[in-house]
Amino acid sequence: MLKVLAQFSRLMALCLKGDRGKLGLLLFALVVGLELLSVVASLRLIQWTGDFYGALERLEAAEAITQVGIFALIVALNSTRHLTALYTRKHLEMRWRRNLTANALDIWLANKAYWHLSVSGRDAIDNPDQRIAEDCTIFLQKLLSEALDLISRVVGLFSYLVVLWSLAQFPLSLAFMGLPVEIPHYMIWAAFIYVALSSGLTHFLGKPLKPLLIQQQQREADFRFALARLRSNTDAVALGGGEAAERRLLDTRFEDVVANWNRLVRREIILAGFTFPFNHSVLRIPLFVALPGYLAGHVAFGGLMQLASAFSNVVTTLSWFIFSYRDLADLVAASSRLDGFLQAAREAGRQRGGVVRETAPRAEIGIDNVAVATPDGRGLLCVSRMDVAPGETIWVRGASGLGKTTLLKALAGLWPFASGCLRCAGTQVFMPQRPYFPDASIYSALTYPEDPRNYSRADLDDILLRVGLGHRTDPDDRGIGTKGLSGGEEQRLALARLLVLRPECIWLDEPTSALDAAAEADLFALLRAELPDSMLILVSHHRPHGLDDLRILDLSEHPHDPSPDPAPALIPA
């Protein structure tokens, strides 16, 4: 329980962060006030029950009709209260959801925590998209609903107990082993004992629900991710004839969903085997418990109905745990998943790349004793010294698996299993083997991560034309994106991005692997003509065409050895 409360407090701290979140407390107070008015309505209905059935018992038609009108007025006012509270609660829910989602995104994106999580191998952190998009919603929906319900029930309980105590003045007379026994206010004790036993049995039957609900959310997300992955790789699957393999994978994922669903349903049926008859008998039990007092002549018929109504309110209020058990299980499961994800993201965000990155005093790139290893500590390579002047191009080559891409990740400040120092002046752009494009317009992809509105549309169209993508311009703002681009066109667009951003330091990893020699030569010649002073470090399996004035860094000649031996030779091309 303490662990769950700690999770709630951490998540609510994110909801309340900032002015928007704190203003939500005023809305919450308003909703609480409106919910507490329901207690007033319930107390008035208890009084109405005695008045109405008393009029029936006395055969007073006029009074009975008056009570019908009073009942309609109570229902109308209570309905207005309920609708106002519902609207305010929904508004509050979205306000806090915006805050929680924004803070969750900040934690996930800060210090590249999303990247560290993706490569950390933590089995417990799956489907971060689901945890942010769905668990934030489930947490707030269930928390607000159950918290408001609990507050109104706790306040209502004391009010109902006072009424029940005043109505149940008579004792229950029994004979135990020949001795007379009287239990004063027996209906009070009966309510607590009845609900305590029922709550204990509910928890015993429903305790396995939490892990099953967590697994169900995870397996549903895994199935959805497999579908999305197929959708994003349609060309590769279609060309490779992989439909049968994809179907086997999707069937396996869905069978996992079905298997856990069956276990979940079996447990819900077991729980419902008790809660369903409880829910349908809870309104009748009060009448049975109050019946001895009526038969003994302690109360009249109207008093009996009023007593049963008060007892029913006490029992249903005390039975909050039973009625809400399934929703509470959903709430605890969602909070556990969301808080676990955010805790792991915070921890991942505290990780730092092993290479120390410093700002160079002048326009240059300097690498000192950069050693790269695998996560298990196996050394890959070491570059003891390398200096790059403005306008220079370095071709980094080496056998597959040697660690060329890992070296770029280390120099970008991502790879934690590295050491050394990188000095660089000016802006930097790292282009991975597979370029990333946002799901937006072609211009958003061209200027990423900058805003395309910061650039002239005519200039952007001219750049697309010069890299051979003139047919992808969007003069009519039809929202043309990057869908349908071939691998070569994607690489053209990624290189065109450099002409927009114009960085001083450019790190490229196999940027032209999908282009022919002529296209590669044209693009690199254009890049050098437009960015003559930029420092270019290029990883490629083959000698790049169009870049004649370059030096070569052969990583096969630099095994992992962090000792500062003579600087590795940069071979003139």
Protein backbone atom coordinates (compact mmCIF):
# COMPACT_ATOMS: atom_id res chain seq x y z
CA MET A 1 0.00 0.00 0.00
CA LEU A 2 2.82 2.42 0.87
CA LYS A 3 4.45 1.65 -2.47
CA VAL A 4 1.22 2.44 -4.32
CA LEU A 5 0.75 5.70 -2.40
CA ALA A 6 4.34 6.69 -3.23
CA GLN A 7 3.62 6.08 -6.91
CA PHE A 8 0.46 8.20 -6.70
CA SER A 9 2.32 11.05 -4.99
CA ARG A 10 5.10 11.12 -7.62
CA LEU A 11 2.61 11.14 -10.48
CA MET A 12 0.40 13.76 -8.85
CA ALA A 13 3.46 15.98 -8.31
CA LEU A 14 3.85 16.01 -12.10
CA CYS A 15 0.15 16.82 -12.54
CA LEU A 16 0.41 19.78 -10.15
CA LYS A 17 3.65 21.13 -11.60
CA GLY A 18 3.35 24.70 -12.89
CA ASP A 19 0.52 27.23 -12.75
CA ARG A 20 -1.80 25.13 -14.90
CA GLY A 21 -1.55 22.21 -12.52
CA LYS A 22 -1.99 24.28 -9.37
CA LEU A 23 -5.07 25.99 -10.80
CA GLY A 24 -6.49 22.50 -11.15
CA LEU A 25 -6.64 22.32 -7.35
CA LEU A 26 -9.35 25.01 -7.42
CA LEU A 27 -11.34 22.95 -9.88
CA PHE A 28 -10.79 19.88 -7.73
CA ALA A 29 -12.11 21.75 -4.68
CA LEU A 30 -15.16 22.80 -6.69
CA VAL A 31 -15.82 19.24 -7.80
CA VAL A 32 -15.43 17.97 -4.22
CA GLY A 33 -17.96 20.55 -3.07
CA LEU A 34 -20.42 19.49 -5.75
CA GLU A 35 -19.93 15.81 -4.88
CA LEU A 36 -20.54 16.52 -1.19
CA LEU A 37 -23.87 18.06 -2.11
CA SER A 38 -24.88 14.56 -3.17
CA VAL A 39 -24.74 13.62 0.51
CA VAL A 40 -27.24 16.38 1.24
CA ALA A 41 -29.48 15.00 -1.51
CA SER A 42 -29.19 11.46 -0.07
CA LEU A 43 -30.08 12.66 3.45
CA ARG A 44 -33.07 14.48 2.05
CA LEU A 45 -34.16 11.32 0.24
CA ILE A 46 -33.95 9.36 3.51
CA GLN A 47 -36.25 11.91 5.11
CA TRP A 48 -38.49 11.82 2.04
CA THR A 49 -38.74 8.02 2.27
CA GLY A 50 -40.14 8.25 5.80
CA ASP A 51 -42.57 11.01 4.84
CA PHE A 52 -43.79 9.28 1.67
CA TYR A 53 -44.32 5.80 3.10
CA GLY A 54 -45.78 7.31 6.26
CA ALA A 55 -48.37 9.11 4.09
CA LEU A 56 -49.16 5.85 2.32
CA GLU A 57 -49.57 4.04 5.64
CA ARG A 58 -51.97 6.76 6.84
CA LEU A 59 -53.77 6.77 3.47
CA GLU A 60 -53.20 10.53 3.09
CA ALA A 61 -53.51 10.98 -0.68
CA ALA A 62 -52.81 14.74 -0.72
CA GLU A 63 -49.64 14.33 1.31
CA ALA A 64 -48.49 11.44 -0.90
CA ILE A 65 -48.96 13.57 -4.03
CA THR A 66 -47.05 16.43 -2.39
CA GLN A 67 -44.20 14.04 -1.63
CA VAL A 68 -44.12 12.96 -5.30
CA GLY A 69 -43.59 16.58 -6.27
CA ILE A 70 -40.86 16.96 -3.65
CA PHE A 71 -39.20 13.81 -5.03
CA ALA A 72 -39.20 15.27 -8.57
CA LEU A 73 -37.64 18.51 -7.27
CA ILE A 74 -34.90 16.58 -5.41
CA VAL A 75 -34.10 14.56 -8.54
CA ALA A 76 -33.98 17.68 -10.75
CA LEU A 77 -31.66 19.58 -8.41
CA ASN A 78 -29.45 16.54 -7.87
CA SER A 79 -29.23 15.93 -11.63
CA THR A 80 -28.13 19.53 -12.20
CA ARG A 81 -25.49 19.13 -9.51
CA HIS A 82 -24.27 15.85 -11.05
CA LEU A 83 -23.99 17.23 -14.59
CA THR A 84 -22.12 20.34 -13.38
CA ALA A 85 -19.72 18.15 -11.37
CA LEU A 86 -19.23 15.80 -14.32
CA TYR A 87 -18.35 18.62 -16.73
CA THR A 88 -15.96 20.23 -14.24
CA ARG A 89 -14.30 16.88 -13.51
CA LYS A 90 -13.77 16.17 -17.21
CA HIS A 91 -12.23 19.61 -17.67
CA LEU A 92 -9.96 19.01 -14.67
CA GLU A 93 -8.99 15.60 -16.01
CA MET A 94 -7.81 17.05 -19.32
CA ARG A 95 -5.99 19.92 -17.58
CA TRP A 96 -4.00 17.50 -15.42
CA ARG A 97 -3.55 15.07 -18.28
CA ARG A 98 -1.90 17.83 -20.35
CA ASN A 99 0.43 18.54 -17.45
CA LEU A 100 1.24 14.88 -16.78
CA THR A 101 1.79 14.13 -20.47
CA ALA A 102 3.98 17.20 -20.96
CA ASN A 103 6.15 16.33 -17.96
CA ALA A 104 6.36 12.67 -18.99
CA LEU A 105 7.54 13.75 -22.45
CA ASP A 106 10.08 16.12 -20.88
CA ILE A 107 11.50 13.29 -18.75
CA TRP A 108 11.56 10.86 -21.69
CA LEU A 109 13.25 13.31 -24.07
CA ALA A 110 15.59 15.00 -21.58
CA ASN A 111 19.27 14.17 -21.98
CA LYS A 112 18.33 11.62 -24.66
CA ALA A 113 16.79 9.29 -22.06
CA TYR A 114 14.65 7.74 -24.82
CA TRP A 115 17.82 6.60 -26.59
CA HIS A 116 19.45 5.19 -23.47
CA LEU A 117 16.25 3.30 -22.64
CA SER A 118 16.11 1.82 -26.13
CA VAL A 119 19.60 0.34 -25.85
CA SER A 120 19.67 -0.44 -22.13
CA GLY A 121 18.02 -3.84 -22.49
CA ARG A 122 15.66 -3.23 -19.57
CA ASP A 123 12.97 -5.87 -19.98
CA ALA A 124 10.51 -3.98 -17.79
CA ILE A 125 10.44 -0.87 -19.97
CA ASP A 126 8.32 -1.81 -22.94
CA ASN A 127 6.13 0.30 -25.21
CA PRO A 128 6.87 3.82 -23.87
CA ASP A 129 4.34 5.17 -26.38
CA GLN A 130 1.56 3.25 -24.65
CA ARG A 131 2.69 4.32 -21.19
CA ILE A 132 2.58 7.99 -22.14
CA ALA A 133 -0.51 7.95 -24.36
CA GLU A 134 -2.73 5.45 -22.52
CA ASP A 135 -1.51 5.07 -18.95
CA CYS A 136 -1.60 8.84 -18.32
CA THR A 137 -5.26 8.81 -19.35
CA ILE A 138 -6.18 5.71 -17.36
CA PHE A 139 -4.39 6.97 -14.27
CA LEU A 140 -6.18 10.32 -14.16
CA GLN A 141 -9.59 8.98 -15.15
CA LYS A 142 -9.56 6.31 -12.48
CA LEU A 143 -7.83 8.42 -9.83
CA LEU A 144 -10.24 11.35 -10.07
CA SER A 145 -13.27 9.10 -10.24
CA GLU A 146 -12.27 6.96 -7.26
CA ALA A 147 -10.84 9.81 -5.16
CA LEU A 148 -13.96 11.94 -5.50
CA ASP A 149 -16.15 8.93 -4.84
CA LEU A 150 -14.14 8.05 -1.72
CA ILE A 151 -14.24 11.60 -0.34
CA SER A 152 -18.01 11.89 -0.78
CA ARG A 153 -18.52 8.45 0.75
CA VAL A 154 -16.35 9.16 3.80
CA VAL A 155 -18.20 12.39 4.51
CA GLY A 156 -21.51 10.74 3.74
CA LEU A 157 -20.73 7.82 6.02
CA PHE A 158 -20.67 9.97 9.15
CA SER A 159 -23.91 11.67 8.12
CA TYR A 160 -25.65 8.37 7.43
CA LEU A 161 -24.38 6.85 10.67
CA VAL A 162 -25.85 9.75 12.66
CA VAL A 163 -29.21 9.21 10.97
CA LEU A 164 -29.07 5.44 11.40
CA TRP A 165 -28.07 5.79 15.07
CA SER A 166 -31.04 8.07 15.73
CA LEU A 167 -33.46 5.73 13.94
CA ALA A 168 -32.17 2.40 15.31
CA GLN A 169 -32.72 3.13 19.00
CA PHE A 170 -34.18 -0.30 19.74
CA PRO A 171 -32.00 -3.32 20.62
CA LEU A 172 -31.92 -6.81 19.13
CA SER A 173 -33.00 -9.35 21.75
CA LEU A 174 -31.54 -12.86 21.50
CA ALA A 175 -31.18 -15.91 23.70
CA PHE A 176 -27.70 -17.40 23.94
CA MET A 177 -27.34 -20.67 25.82
CA GLY A 178 -30.54 -19.90 27.68
CA LEU A 179 -29.39 -16.42 28.65
CA PRO A 180 -31.07 -13.26 27.30
CA VAL A 181 -28.76 -11.08 25.19
CA GLU A 182 -29.53 -7.57 23.97
CA ILE A 183 -27.46 -5.79 21.29
CA PRO A 184 -28.16 -2.03 21.34
CA HIS A 185 -28.10 -0.23 17.99
CA TYR A 186 -27.52 -3.62 16.39
CA MET A 187 -28.00 -2.28 12.87
CA ILE A 188 -24.84 -0.17 13.20
CA TRP A 189 -22.73 -3.19 14.10
CA ALA A 190 -24.44 -5.35 11.50
CA ALA A 191 -23.48 -2.89 8.74
CA PHE A 192 -19.79 -2.83 9.69
CA ILE A 193 -19.48 -6.61 10.15
CA TYR A 194 -21.32 -7.34 6.90
CA VAL A 195 -19.15 -4.99 4.82
CA ALA A 196 -15.87 -5.98 6.52
CA LEU A 197 -16.39 -9.65 5.72
CA SER A 198 -17.46 -8.84 2.17
CA SER A 199 -14.47 -6.53 1.55
CA GLY A 200 -12.00 -9.12 2.81
CA LEU A 201 -13.46 -11.77 0.52
CA THR A 202 -13.43 -9.36 -2.44
CA HIS A 203 -9.74 -8.59 -1.98
CA PHE A 204 -8.89 -12.26 -1.60
CA LEU A 205 -10.67 -13.14 -4.86
CA GLY A 206 -9.50 -10.10 -6.83
CA LYS A 207 -5.85 -9.74 -5.75
CA PRO A 208 -4.47 -11.57 -8.85
CA LEU A 209 -6.14 -9.00 -11.12
CA LYS A 210 -3.34 -6.40 -10.94
CA PRO A 211 -0.54 -8.46 -12.55
CA LEU A 212 -2.98 -9.83 -15.13
CA LEU A 213 -4.09 -6.31 -16.08
CA ILE A 214 -0.47 -5.17 -16.45
CA GLN A 215 0.31 -8.15 -18.67
CA GLN A 216 -2.81 -7.53 -20.75
CA GLN A 217 -1.81 -3.92 -21.42
CA GLN A 218 1.70 -5.04 -22.36
CA ARG A 219 0.56 -7.78 -24.74
CA GLU A 220 -2.03 -5.56 -26.40
CA ALA A 221 0.72 -2.98 -26.98
CA ASP A 222 3.08 -5.65 -28.38
CA PHE A 223 0.41 -6.75 -30.85
CA ARG A 224 -0.32 -3.17 -31.88
CA PHE A 225 3.41 -2.47 -32.32
CA ALA A 226 3.80 -5.52 -34.57
CA LEU A 227 0.97 -4.23 -36.76
CA ALA A 228 2.51 -0.74 -36.93
CA ARG A 229 5.92 -2.21 -37.76
CA LEU A 230 4.45 -4.13 -40.69
CA ARG A 231 2.72 -0.98 -41.91
CA SER A 232 5.99 0.97 -41.83
CA ASN A 233 7.93 -1.74 -43.70
CA THR A 234 5.46 -2.67 -46.43
CA ASP A 235 8.01 -2.47 -49.26
CA ALA A 236 10.51 -4.80 -47.60
CA VAL A 237 7.83 -7.34 -46.66
CA ALA A 238 6.16 -7.24 -50.09
CA LEU A 239 9.43 -7.55 -52.02
CA GLY A 240 10.65 -10.33 -49.74
CA GLY A 241 7.39 -12.26 -49.86
CA GLY A 242 7.22 -12.13 -46.08
CA GLU A 243 3.46 -12.21 -45.67
CA ALA A 244 3.44 -15.72 -44.20
CA ALA A 245 6.23 -14.88 -41.75
CA GLU A 246 4.48 -11.67 -40.70
CA ARG A 247 1.23 -13.56 -40.26
CA ARG A 248 2.98 -16.09 -38.02
CA LEU A 249 4.43 -13.27 -35.93
CA LEU A 250 1.08 -11.46 -35.69
CA ASP A 251 -0.70 -14.71 -34.83
CA THR A 252 1.83 -15.35 -32.07
CA ARG A 253 1.39 -11.85 -30.66
CA PHE A 254 -2.39 -12.15 -30.76
CA GLU A 255 -2.33 -15.61 -29.17
CA ASP A 256 -0.39 -14.04 -26.30
CA VAL A 257 -3.21 -11.49 -26.00
CA VAL A 258 -5.84 -14.24 -26.01
CA ALA A 259 -3.98 -16.46 -23.51
CA ASN A 260 -3.66 -13.67 -20.93
CA TRP A 261 -7.20 -12.49 -21.67
CA ASN A 262 -8.51 -15.95 -20.82
CA ARG A 263 -6.69 -15.91 -17.48
CA LEU A 264 -7.97 -12.39 -16.83
CA VAL A 265 -11.56 -13.33 -17.63
CA ARG A 266 -11.40 -16.42 -15.42
CA ARG A 267 -10.27 -14.29 -12.51
CA GLU A 268 -12.96 -11.68 -13.23
CA ILE A 269 -15.62 -14.41 -13.30
CA ILE A 270 -14.38 -15.71 -9.94
CA LEU A 271 -14.57 -12.19 -8.51
CA ALA A 272 -17.96 -11.51 -10.09
CA GLY A 273 -19.22 -14.75 -8.56
CA PHE A 274 -19.25 -12.84 -5.29
CA THR A 275 -19.61 -9.17 -6.28
CA PHE A 276 -22.59 -9.66 -8.63
CA PRO A 277 -24.91 -11.23 -6.01
CA PHE A 278 -23.55 -8.75 -3.45
CA ASN A 279 -24.40 -5.78 -5.69
CA HIS A 280 -27.90 -7.08 -6.33
CA SER A 281 -28.68 -7.94 -2.74
CA VAL A 282 -27.18 -4.92 -1.00
CA LEU A 283 -30.40 -2.94 -1.39
CA ARG A 284 -32.51 -5.78 0.04
CA ILE A 285 -30.31 -6.79 2.97
CA PRO A 286 -31.15 -3.59 4.92
CA LEU A 287 -34.83 -4.46 4.84
CA PHE A 288 -34.14 -7.95 6.16
CA VAL A 289 -31.88 -6.61 8.93
CA ALA A 290 -34.47 -4.01 10.00
CA LEU A 291 -37.34 -6.53 9.89
CA PRO A 292 -36.92 -7.75 13.53
CA GLY A 293 -37.48 -4.21 14.78
CA TYR A 294 -40.65 -3.87 12.68
CA LEU A 295 -42.01 -7.28 13.73
CA ALA A 296 -41.30 -6.44 17.38
CA GLY A 297 -43.35 -3.28 17.01
CA HIS A 298 -40.45 -0.87 17.55
CA VAL A 299 -41.11 1.00 14.27
CA ALA A 300 -44.05 1.62 11.98
CA PHE A 301 -44.02 0.78 8.27
CA GLY A 302 -42.84 4.26 7.27
CA GLY A 303 -40.12 4.08 9.90
CA LEU A 304 -39.13 0.64 8.62
CA MET A 305 -38.62 1.99 5.07
CA GLN A 306 -36.74 5.01 6.38
CA LEU A 307 -34.55 2.74 8.53
CA ALA A 308 -33.88 0.44 5.58
CA SER A 309 -32.93 3.45 3.42
CA ALA A 310 -30.48 4.76 6.04
CA PHE A 311 -28.96 1.29 6.54
CA SER A 312 -28.66 0.87 2.77
CA ASN A 313 -26.77 4.16 2.48
CA VAL A 314 -24.37 3.11 5.24
CA VAL A 315 -23.73 -0.30 3.65
CA THR A 316 -23.26 1.02 0.10
CA THR A 317 -20.93 3.73 1.41
CA LEU A 318 -18.85 1.20 3.34
CA SER A 319 -18.87 -1.07 0.26
CA TRP A 320 -16.91 1.43 -1.85
CA PHE A 321 -13.94 -0.94 -1.91
CA ILE A 322 -16.09 -3.78 -3.23
CA PHE A 323 -17.90 -1.75 -5.88
CA SER A 324 -14.65 -0.10 -7.07
CA TYR A 325 -12.30 -3.08 -6.89
CA ARG A 326 -12.00 -3.58 -10.66
CA ASP A 327 -11.42 0.13 -11.28
CA LEU A 328 -8.90 0.26 -8.42
CA ALA A 329 -7.03 -2.65 -10.00
CA ASP A 330 -6.91 -0.73 -13.30
CA LEU A 331 -5.68 2.38 -11.46
CA VAL A 332 -2.91 0.56 -9.59
CA ALA A 333 -1.80 -1.27 -12.76
CA ALA A 334 -1.62 1.96 -14.78
CA SER A 335 0.18 3.89 -12.04
CA SER A 336 2.68 1.06 -11.58
CA ARG A 337 3.50 0.95 -15.28
CA LEU A 338 3.66 4.73 -15.70
CA ASP A 339 5.70 5.41 -12.56
CA GLY A 340 8.08 2.54 -13.37
CA PHE A 341 8.63 3.97 -16.84
CA LEU A 342 9.26 7.51 -15.55
CA GLN A 343 11.65 6.27 -12.87
CA ALA A 344 13.62 4.32 -15.48
CA ALA A 345 13.60 7.34 -17.82
CA ARG A 346 14.96 9.60 -15.08
CA GLU A 347 17.71 7.10 -14.38
CA ALA A 348 18.49 6.78 -18.09
CA GLY A 349 18.57 10.57 -18.42
CA ARG A 350 21.30 10.72 -15.79
CA GLN A 351 23.58 8.62 -17.97
CA ARG A 352 26.21 10.49 -19.89
CA GLY A 353 28.31 9.58 -22.87
CA GLY A 354 31.78 8.42 -22.02
CA VAL A 355 33.45 10.96 -24.30
CA VAL A 356 33.89 14.43 -22.80
CA ARG A 357 32.66 17.08 -25.24
CA GLU A 358 34.27 20.51 -25.06
CA THR A 359 33.98 23.69 -27.11
CA ALA A 360 37.12 24.34 -29.13
CA PRO A 361 38.66 27.82 -28.84
CA ARG A 362 38.71 28.15 -32.62
CA ALA A 363 37.07 26.56 -35.64
CA GLU A 364 38.37 23.00 -35.55
CA ILE A 365 37.65 19.44 -34.50
CA GLY A 366 40.04 17.79 -32.06
CA ILE A 367 39.89 14.18 -30.87
CA ASP A 368 42.09 13.05 -27.97
CA ASN A 369 42.40 9.42 -26.81
CA VAL A 370 38.86 8.39 -27.75
CA ALA A 371 38.50 4.70 -26.87
CA VAL A 372 35.29 2.76 -27.66
CA ALA A 373 34.19 -0.51 -26.09
CA THR A 374 31.18 -2.82 -26.12
CA PRO A 375 28.72 -2.90 -23.19
CA ASP A 376 30.48 -6.00 -21.84
CA GLY A 377 33.81 -4.13 -21.77
CA ARG A 378 35.43 -5.55 -24.89
CA GLY A 379 37.55 -2.89 -26.56
CA LEU A 380 36.72 -1.95 -30.14
CA LEU A 381 39.07 0.84 -31.22
CA CYS A 382 40.97 3.88 -30.07
CA VAL A 383 41.77 7.13 -31.84
CA SER A 384 44.57 8.71 -29.84
CA ARG A 385 44.77 12.00 -31.75
CA MET A 386 43.04 13.62 -34.71
CA ASP A 387 42.68 17.26 -35.72
CA VAL A 388 40.42 18.55 -38.47
CA ALA A 389 40.70 22.07 -39.85
CA PRO A 390 37.90 24.08 -41.49
CA GLY A 391 37.10 22.84 -44.98
CA GLU A 392 38.76 19.45 -44.47
CA THR A 393 37.13 16.12 -45.25
CA ILE A 394 38.02 12.92 -43.36
CA TRP A 395 37.04 9.55 -44.81
CA VAL A 396 36.71 7.02 -41.98
CA ARG A 397 37.05 3.47 -43.24
CA GLY A 398 37.38 0.03 -41.73
CA ALA A 399 36.00 -3.50 -41.85
CA SER A 400 32.37 -4.22 -40.97
CA GLY A 401 31.85 -4.70 -37.24
CA LEU A 402 34.93 -2.73 -36.34
CA GLY A 403 32.91 -0.02 -34.60
CA LYS A 404 32.68 2.85 -37.08
CA THR A 405 29.06 3.65 -36.29
CA THR A 406 29.67 3.17 -32.58
CA LEU A 407 32.55 5.67 -32.80
CA LEU A 408 30.16 8.28 -34.20
CA LYS A 409 27.67 7.57 -31.40
CA ALA A 410 30.46 7.99 -28.85
CA LEU A 411 31.55 11.30 -30.40
CA ALA A 412 27.90 12.44 -30.42
CA GLY A 413 27.83 11.95 -26.64
CA LEU A 414 25.50 8.94 -26.71
CA TRP A 415 27.62 5.84 -26.21
CA PRO A 416 28.42 5.49 -22.48
CA PHE A 417 31.04 2.77 -22.96
CA ALA A 418 33.72 5.12 -24.21
CA SER A 419 36.34 7.56 -22.97
CA GLY A 420 38.38 10.45 -24.29
CA CYS A 421 37.73 14.01 -25.34
CA LEU A 422 36.14 15.73 -28.35
CA ARG A 423 36.73 19.43 -29.00
CA CYS A 424 34.51 21.07 -31.56
CA ALA A 425 33.54 24.64 -32.42
CA GLY A 426 30.24 25.64 -34.02
CA THR A 427 27.08 23.70 -34.71
CA GLN A 428 27.17 19.98 -35.38
CA VAL A 429 24.94 17.63 -37.35
CA PHE A 430 25.13 13.85 -37.08
CA MET A 431 23.46 11.91 -39.91
CA PRO A 432 22.87 8.21 -39.15
CA GLN A 433 22.75 5.43 -41.73
CA ARG A 434 18.98 5.57 -41.79
CA PRO A 435 17.86 9.22 -41.86
CA TYR A 436 14.84 10.21 -39.82
CA PHE A 437 11.98 12.30 -41.17
CA PRO A 438 9.06 13.55 -39.07
CA ASP A 439 5.53 12.61 -40.07
CA ALA A 440 4.86 16.06 -41.50
CA SER A 441 5.39 18.05 -44.68
CA ILE A 442 8.36 17.66 -47.00
CA TYR A 443 9.59 21.03 -45.74
CA SER A 444 9.49 19.87 -42.10
CA ALA A 445 11.64 16.91 -43.13
CA LEU A 446 14.01 19.19 -45.03
CA THR A 447 14.56 21.64 -42.13
CA TYR A 448 14.40 19.14 -39.23
CA PRO A 449 14.88 19.83 -36.36
CA GLU A 450 14.28 23.51 -37.19
CA ASP A 451 10.88 25.03 -37.95
CA PRO A 452 10.28 25.32 -41.72
CA ARG A 453 8.51 28.63 -41.14
CA ASN A 454 11.90 30.13 -40.30
CA TYR A 455 12.99 29.69 -43.93
CA SER A 456 11.88 31.07 -47.26
CA ARG A 457 9.71 28.64 -49.18
CA ALA A 458 11.42 29.66 -52.41
CA ASP A 459 14.85 28.85 -50.93
CA LEU A 460 13.64 25.45 -49.73
CA ASP A 461 12.15 24.65 -53.16
CA ASP A 462 15.43 25.68 -54.79
CA ILE A 463 17.40 23.31 -52.53
CA LEU A 464 15.03 20.43 -53.32
CA LEU A 465 15.48 21.15 -57.00
CA ARG A 466 19.27 21.20 -56.76
CA VAL A 467 19.45 17.80 -55.04
CA GLY A 468 17.15 16.20 -57.60
CA LEU A 469 13.89 16.37 -55.64
CA GLY A 470 12.17 19.13 -57.58
CA HIS A 471 9.19 16.85 -58.16
CA ARG A 472 8.57 16.73 -54.39
CA THR A 473 8.00 20.47 -53.93
CA ASP A 474 4.59 21.46 -52.58
CA PRO A 475 3.65 24.90 -53.93
CA ASP A 476 -0.06 24.41 -53.15
CA ASP A 477 0.51 23.33 -49.52
CA ARG A 478 -1.13 19.96 -50.04
CA GLY A 479 0.81 18.54 -47.12
CA ILE A 480 3.06 16.32 -49.23
CA GLY A 481 5.29 14.38 -46.87
CA THR A 482 8.07 11.86 -47.30
CA LYS A 483 5.92 8.81 -47.98
CA GLY A 484 6.83 7.03 -51.16
CA LEU A 485 10.43 8.22 -51.25
CA SER A 486 12.91 5.62 -52.41
CA GLY A 487 16.05 4.90 -50.40
CA GLY A 488 18.09 7.09 -52.72
CA GLU A 489 15.58 9.93 -52.51
CA GLU A 490 15.63 9.74 -48.71
CA GLN A 491 19.40 10.13 -48.76
CA ARG A 492 19.13 13.06 -51.17
CA LEU A 493 16.68 14.73 -48.79
CA ALA A 494 18.94 14.07 -45.79
CA LEU A 495 21.93 15.67 -47.57
CA ALA A 496 19.74 18.57 -48.67
CA ARG A 497 19.04 19.19 -44.98
CA LEU A 498 22.71 20.07 -44.56
CA LEU A 499 22.34 22.85 -47.15
CA VAL A 500 19.54 24.30 -45.02
CA LEU A 501 21.14 23.97 -41.58
CA ARG A 502 24.67 24.83 -42.79
CA PRO A 503 26.53 23.33 -39.79
CA GLU A 504 30.24 23.84 -39.16
CA CYS A 505 30.82 20.17 -38.20
CA ILE A 506 29.19 17.38 -40.21
CA TRP A 507 29.32 13.69 -39.23
CA LEU A 508 27.96 11.29 -41.85
CA ASP A 509 27.45 7.52 -41.56
CA GLU A 510 27.08 5.79 -44.95
CA PRO A 511 25.08 8.76 -46.33
CA THR A 512 25.05 7.63 -49.99
CA SER A 513 24.80 3.85 -49.80
CA ALA A 514 21.60 3.87 -51.90
CA LEU A 515 22.96 6.21 -54.60
CA ASP A 516 25.00 5.45 -57.70
CA ALA A 517 28.50 6.89 -58.19
CA ALA A 518 27.35 9.74 -60.44
CA ALA A 519 24.61 10.90 -58.07
CA GLU A 520 26.98 10.61 -55.12
CA ALA A 521 29.61 12.71 -56.89
CA ASP A 522 27.07 15.41 -57.81
CA LEU A 523 25.71 15.67 -54.27
CA PHE A 524 29.10 15.77 -52.56
CA ALA A 525 30.34 18.35 -55.06
CA LEU A 526 27.27 20.47 -54.33
CA LEU A 527 27.78 20.02 -50.59
CA ARG A 528 31.40 21.13 -50.77
CA ALA A 529 30.59 24.08 -53.06
CA GLU A 530 27.85 25.35 -50.70
CA LEU A 531 29.70 24.58 -47.45
CA PRO A 532 33.37 25.13 -48.28
CA ASP A 533 34.43 25.77 -44.66
CA SER A 534 32.48 22.99 -42.99
CA MET A 535 34.45 20.12 -41.48
CA LEU A 536 33.21 16.82 -42.88
CA ILE A 537 33.80 13.41 -41.24
CA LEU A 538 32.43 10.67 -43.45
CA VAL A 539 32.06 6.95 -42.62
CA SER A 540 31.81 4.84 -45.76
CA HIS A 541 32.73 1.36 -46.97
CA HIS A 542 33.88 2.78 -50.30
CA ARG A 543 35.84 5.81 -51.35
CA PRO A 544 33.34 8.69 -51.70
CA HIS A 545 33.01 10.11 -55.20
CA GLY A 546 33.08 13.87 -55.67
CA LEU A 547 35.39 14.48 -52.72
CA ASP A 548 38.88 14.45 -54.13
CA ASP A 549 40.57 16.55 -51.46
CA LEU A 550 40.23 14.30 -48.43
CA ARG A 551 42.23 12.43 -45.84
CA ILE A 552 41.72 8.85 -44.69
CA LEU A 553 41.39 7.53 -41.16
CA ASP A 554 41.72 3.74 -41.35
CA LEU A 555 40.26 2.34 -38.11
CA SER A 556 41.66 -1.11 -38.80
CA GLU A 557 45.04 0.39 -37.98
CA HIS A 558 43.87 1.65 -34.58
CA PRO A 559 43.01 -1.21 -32.22
CA HIS A 560 41.65 -0.47 -28.77
CA ASP A 561 44.59 1.01 -26.89
CA PRO A 562 43.92 4.19 -24.91
CA SER A 563 47.60 4.89 -24.34
CA PRO A 564 48.59 8.21 -25.97
CA ASP A 565 51.05 6.79 -28.48
CA PRO A 566 52.01 8.74 -31.56
CA ALA A 567 48.97 10.17 -33.30
CA PRO A 568 47.40 7.89 -35.91
CA ALA A 569 48.39 8.83 -39.39
CA LEU A 570 45.74 10.47 -41.51
CA ILE A 571 46.52 9.16 -44.96
CA PRO A 572 46.23 11.72 -47.78
CA ALA A 573 43.95 10.42 -50.48
